[in-house]
Amino acid sequence: MTELVERHLLGVGLEYLDTFPVVVIEGARQVGRSTLAQQLLQVRPGIQVTLDVPAQLAAALEDPEAFLRQGGEGTLAIDEAQLAPGQLEPITADVLGGHFKAFLATELLKQQSWSTEQFQLFHYRDRTGIEVDLVAELADGSAVGIEVKTSSSHRPEHFKGLRFLRDRLGSRFRCGVVLGMFQQGFQISDRLIGLPASALWELPAPDQR
């Protein structure tokens, strides 16, 4: 009887699972990626699904959050995960979102020191719970709303807070911007646009001479 040899990477994988919310197993075909995932599940109980199954792929594409919840409190191993790369956004958004927002807010605070357009930076939250990550209020009383997303694709709900702020401020609302991992800018409706986050630090700084 052939005995399955425990992989050295099993211990590494278990350590990573204790540290990170997502662990990716990469390698050429037939090197045993699925076998390693099964071994991990023997120690970290959960379920294994494969996106080779059309129904599973459709579920992952249609509602990534619901798809991920099927793992419950256990481990969810996803085979052929590259077929639906956006399925991990609900996890990465929670983990990276706060750091990303803080980073971009810091960039804006730096720009206050040299920008020819003076502005104050605030966070907006309505009493009903609607929020906008950052609001830049300019010297003339107008405002620019900024939402920060780690997503590489835009969704209507990303603009929910900005729409609310636009309707509330009326003519004082200069524009609303969603900064994300987009490849290029786009306009979604009146005074609402999306821009790659890199646009923030690609703005020209003043001549220091």
Protein backbone atom coordinates (compact mmCIF):
# COMPACT_ATOMS: atom_id res chain seq x y z
CA MET A 1 0.00 0.00 0.00
CA THR A 2 1.40 3.36 -1.03
CA GLU A 3 1.59 5.90 1.78
CA LEU A 4 1.06 9.57 1.01
CA VAL A 5 4.14 11.54 2.03
CA GLU A 6 3.39 14.69 3.98
CA ARG A 7 4.65 17.76 2.18
CA HIS A 8 7.13 20.13 3.77
CA LEU A 9 4.86 22.96 2.57
CA LEU A 10 2.02 21.70 4.76
CA GLY A 11 3.55 23.31 7.83
CA VAL A 12 4.23 26.51 5.91
CA GLY A 13 0.66 26.58 4.62
CA LEU A 14 -0.78 26.12 8.11
CA GLU A 15 1.39 28.95 9.42
CA TYR A 16 0.20 31.22 6.60
CA LEU A 17 -3.44 30.32 7.27
CA ASP A 18 -2.94 31.45 10.86
CA THR A 19 -1.57 34.78 9.63
CA PHE A 20 -3.35 35.73 6.41
CA PRO A 21 -7.02 35.64 5.34
CA VAL A 22 -6.09 34.33 1.88
CA VAL A 23 -3.35 31.87 0.92
CA VAL A 24 -2.65 31.15 -2.75
CA ILE A 25 -1.12 27.82 -3.76
CA GLU A 26 0.68 28.25 -7.07
CA GLY A 27 2.59 25.79 -9.20
CA ALA A 28 2.64 23.92 -12.47
CA ARG A 29 -0.01 21.34 -13.23
CA GLN A 30 0.37 17.88 -11.70
CA VAL A 31 2.61 19.07 -8.86
CA GLY A 32 -0.09 18.39 -6.27
CA ARG A 33 -1.72 21.74 -5.54
CA SER A 34 -5.13 20.15 -4.93
CA THR A 35 -3.56 17.44 -2.78
CA LEU A 36 -1.86 20.05 -0.62
CA ALA A 37 -5.18 21.89 -0.26
CA GLN A 38 -6.84 18.65 0.86
CA GLN A 39 -4.09 18.07 3.43
CA LEU A 40 -4.57 21.58 4.78
CA LEU A 41 -8.30 20.92 5.12
CA GLN A 42 -7.59 17.84 7.22
CA VAL A 43 -6.01 20.13 9.81
CA ARG A 44 -8.11 23.26 9.20
CA PRO A 45 -11.59 21.79 8.61
CA GLY A 46 -13.64 23.29 5.82
CA ILE A 47 -14.84 22.55 2.32
CA GLN A 48 -13.22 22.41 -1.09
CA VAL A 49 -14.91 23.60 -4.29
CA THR A 50 -13.69 23.87 -7.85
CA LEU A 51 -14.58 26.52 -10.38
CA ASP A 52 -14.28 23.88 -13.09
CA VAL A 53 -17.89 23.12 -12.14
CA PRO A 54 -20.08 25.55 -14.12
CA ALA A 55 -22.57 26.05 -11.28
CA GLN A 56 -19.79 26.98 -8.84
CA LEU A 57 -18.21 29.37 -11.33
CA ALA A 58 -21.55 31.04 -12.00
CA ALA A 59 -22.14 31.47 -8.26
CA ALA A 60 -18.67 32.99 -7.73
CA LEU A 61 -19.18 35.47 -10.56
CA GLU A 62 -22.73 36.44 -9.64
CA ASP A 63 -22.30 37.05 -5.90
CA PRO A 64 -18.70 36.74 -4.62
CA GLU A 65 -19.64 37.53 -1.01
CA ALA A 66 -22.32 34.83 -0.83
CA PHE A 67 -19.97 32.38 -2.53
CA LEU A 68 -17.29 32.95 0.10
CA ARG A 69 -19.77 32.60 2.96
CA GLN A 70 -20.37 28.94 2.12
CA GLY A 71 -17.17 28.21 4.00
CA GLY A 72 -18.80 29.43 7.21
CA GLU A 73 -16.31 29.71 10.05
CA GLY A 74 -14.09 27.06 8.47
CA THR A 75 -11.60 27.06 5.61
CA LEU A 76 -12.79 27.42 2.03
CA ALA A 77 -10.42 25.92 -0.55
CA ILE A 78 -11.12 27.08 -4.11
CA ASP A 79 -9.64 25.10 -6.98
CA GLU A 80 -9.15 26.90 -10.33
CA ALA A 81 -9.67 30.22 -8.52
CA GLN A 82 -8.12 32.14 -11.42
CA LEU A 83 -11.37 31.64 -13.36
CA ALA A 84 -13.06 34.25 -11.14
CA PRO A 85 -10.35 36.61 -9.86
CA GLY A 86 -12.84 39.14 -8.48
CA GLN A 87 -14.21 36.68 -5.92
CA LEU A 88 -11.55 37.62 -3.37
CA GLU A 89 -12.31 41.34 -3.43
CA PRO A 90 -14.70 41.16 -0.43
CA ILE A 91 -11.83 39.77 1.67
CA THR A 92 -9.03 41.96 0.37
CA ALA A 93 -11.24 45.02 0.64
CA ASP A 94 -11.75 44.44 4.38
CA VAL A 95 -8.06 43.80 5.02
CA LEU A 96 -6.49 46.39 2.75
CA GLY A 97 -9.23 49.00 2.62
CA GLY A 98 -8.37 50.75 5.88
CA HIS A 99 -4.66 50.93 5.07
CA PHE A 100 -5.35 52.13 1.55
CA LYS A 101 -7.68 54.89 2.75
CA ALA A 102 -5.16 56.03 5.35
CA PHE A 103 -2.42 56.11 2.73
CA LEU A 104 -4.43 58.24 0.30
CA ALA A 105 -5.60 60.55 3.09
CA THR A 106 -1.95 61.09 4.01
CA GLU A 107 -1.16 61.95 0.39
CA LEU A 108 -3.92 64.56 0.39
CA LEU A 109 -2.67 66.04 3.66
CA LYS A 110 0.78 66.37 2.09
CA GLN A 111 -0.73 68.20 -0.86
CA GLN A 112 -2.29 70.76 1.47
CA SER A 113 1.19 72.19 2.01
CA TRP A 114 1.78 73.05 -1.65
CA SER A 115 -1.54 73.05 -3.47
CA THR A 116 -2.51 76.38 -5.04
CA GLU A 117 -6.13 75.49 -4.16
CA GLN A 118 -6.50 75.64 -0.39
CA PHE A 119 -8.74 72.98 1.15
CA GLN A 120 -9.70 71.34 4.43
CA LEU A 121 -10.12 67.58 4.68
CA PHE A 122 -13.00 65.89 6.52
CA HIS A 123 -14.80 62.56 6.84
CA TYR A 124 -18.55 62.73 6.21
CA ARG A 125 -21.17 60.61 7.95
CA ASP A 126 -24.90 61.31 7.83
CA ARG A 127 -27.09 60.50 10.82
CA THR A 128 -28.67 57.73 8.73
CA GLY A 129 -25.26 56.07 8.36
CA ILE A 130 -24.38 57.15 4.82
CA GLU A 131 -20.65 57.90 4.62
CA VAL A 132 -18.09 59.47 2.31
CA ASP A 133 -14.48 58.56 3.07
CA LEU A 134 -13.04 62.03 2.48
CA VAL A 135 -14.49 65.44 1.71
CA ALA A 136 -12.21 68.26 0.59
CA GLU A 137 -13.84 71.62 1.34
CA LEU A 138 -12.34 74.42 -0.72
CA ALA A 139 -11.93 78.09 0.18
CA ASP A 140 -15.02 79.13 -1.80
CA GLY A 141 -17.22 76.69 0.14
CA SER A 142 -17.48 74.11 -2.63
CA ALA A 143 -16.64 70.48 -1.91
CA VAL A 144 -15.10 67.44 -3.58
CA GLY A 145 -16.15 64.03 -2.29
CA ILE A 146 -13.67 61.16 -2.43
CA GLU A 147 -14.36 57.46 -1.97
CA VAL A 148 -11.49 54.97 -1.79
CA LYS A 149 -11.95 51.41 -3.06
CA THR A 150 -9.53 48.53 -3.49
CA SER A 151 -11.65 47.13 -6.31
CA SER A 152 -10.36 47.04 -9.90
CA SER A 153 -13.88 47.36 -11.30
CA HIS A 154 -16.52 49.95 -10.43
CA ARG A 155 -19.95 49.14 -9.06
CA PRO A 156 -23.00 51.39 -8.64
CA GLU A 157 -22.86 51.06 -4.84
CA HIS A 158 -19.38 52.62 -4.82
CA PHE A 159 -21.04 55.94 -5.65
CA LYS A 160 -23.88 55.73 -3.10
CA GLY A 161 -22.38 58.15 -0.59
CA LEU A 162 -21.21 60.54 -3.30
CA ARG A 163 -24.67 60.66 -4.87
CA PHE A 164 -26.16 61.48 -1.49
CA LEU A 165 -23.60 64.24 -0.90
CA ARG A 166 -24.15 65.66 -4.40
CA ASP A 167 -27.91 65.84 -3.90
CA ARG A 168 -27.52 67.36 -0.44
CA LEU A 169 -24.97 70.04 -1.36
CA GLY A 170 -26.41 70.93 -4.75
CA SER A 171 -24.32 73.56 -6.53
CA ARG A 172 -21.68 73.48 -3.76
CA PHE A 173 -20.79 69.94 -4.83
CA ARG A 174 -17.96 70.36 -7.32
CA CYS A 175 -17.49 66.66 -8.09
CA GLY A 176 -17.31 63.19 -6.56
CA VAL A 177 -14.40 60.85 -7.23
CA VAL A 178 -13.99 57.15 -6.58
CA LEU A 179 -10.29 56.29 -6.40
CA GLY A 180 -9.63 52.62 -7.05
CA MET A 181 -7.44 50.09 -8.80
CA PHE A 182 -8.89 51.08 -12.16
CA GLN A 183 -6.84 51.02 -15.36
CA GLN A 184 -8.31 54.29 -16.61
CA GLY A 185 -10.71 57.04 -15.63
CA PHE A 186 -14.41 57.09 -16.42
CA GLN A 187 -17.52 59.19 -15.80
CA ILE A 188 -20.57 57.44 -14.40
CA SER A 189 -23.04 60.36 -14.16
CA ASP A 190 -23.28 64.09 -13.48
CA ARG A 191 -20.16 65.20 -11.54
CA LEU A 192 -19.34 61.61 -10.55
CA ILE A 193 -16.16 60.05 -11.90
CA GLY A 194 -13.77 57.19 -11.22
CA LEU A 195 -9.99 57.53 -11.38
CA PRO A 196 -7.00 55.26 -10.82
CA ALA A 197 -5.67 55.92 -7.32
CA SER A 198 -2.31 56.72 -8.90
CA ALA A 199 -3.84 59.93 -10.29
CA LEU A 200 -3.53 61.39 -6.80
CA TRP A 201 0.26 61.40 -6.69
CA GLU A 202 0.74 61.89 -10.43
CA LEU A 203 -0.59 65.44 -10.04
CA PRO A 204 2.26 67.87 -10.71
CA ALA A 205 3.91 69.33 -7.63
CA PRO A 206 4.90 73.00 -7.62
CA ASP A 207 8.26 74.24 -8.80
CA GLN A 208 10.45 74.41 -5.69
CA ARG A 209 13.05 76.75 -7.22
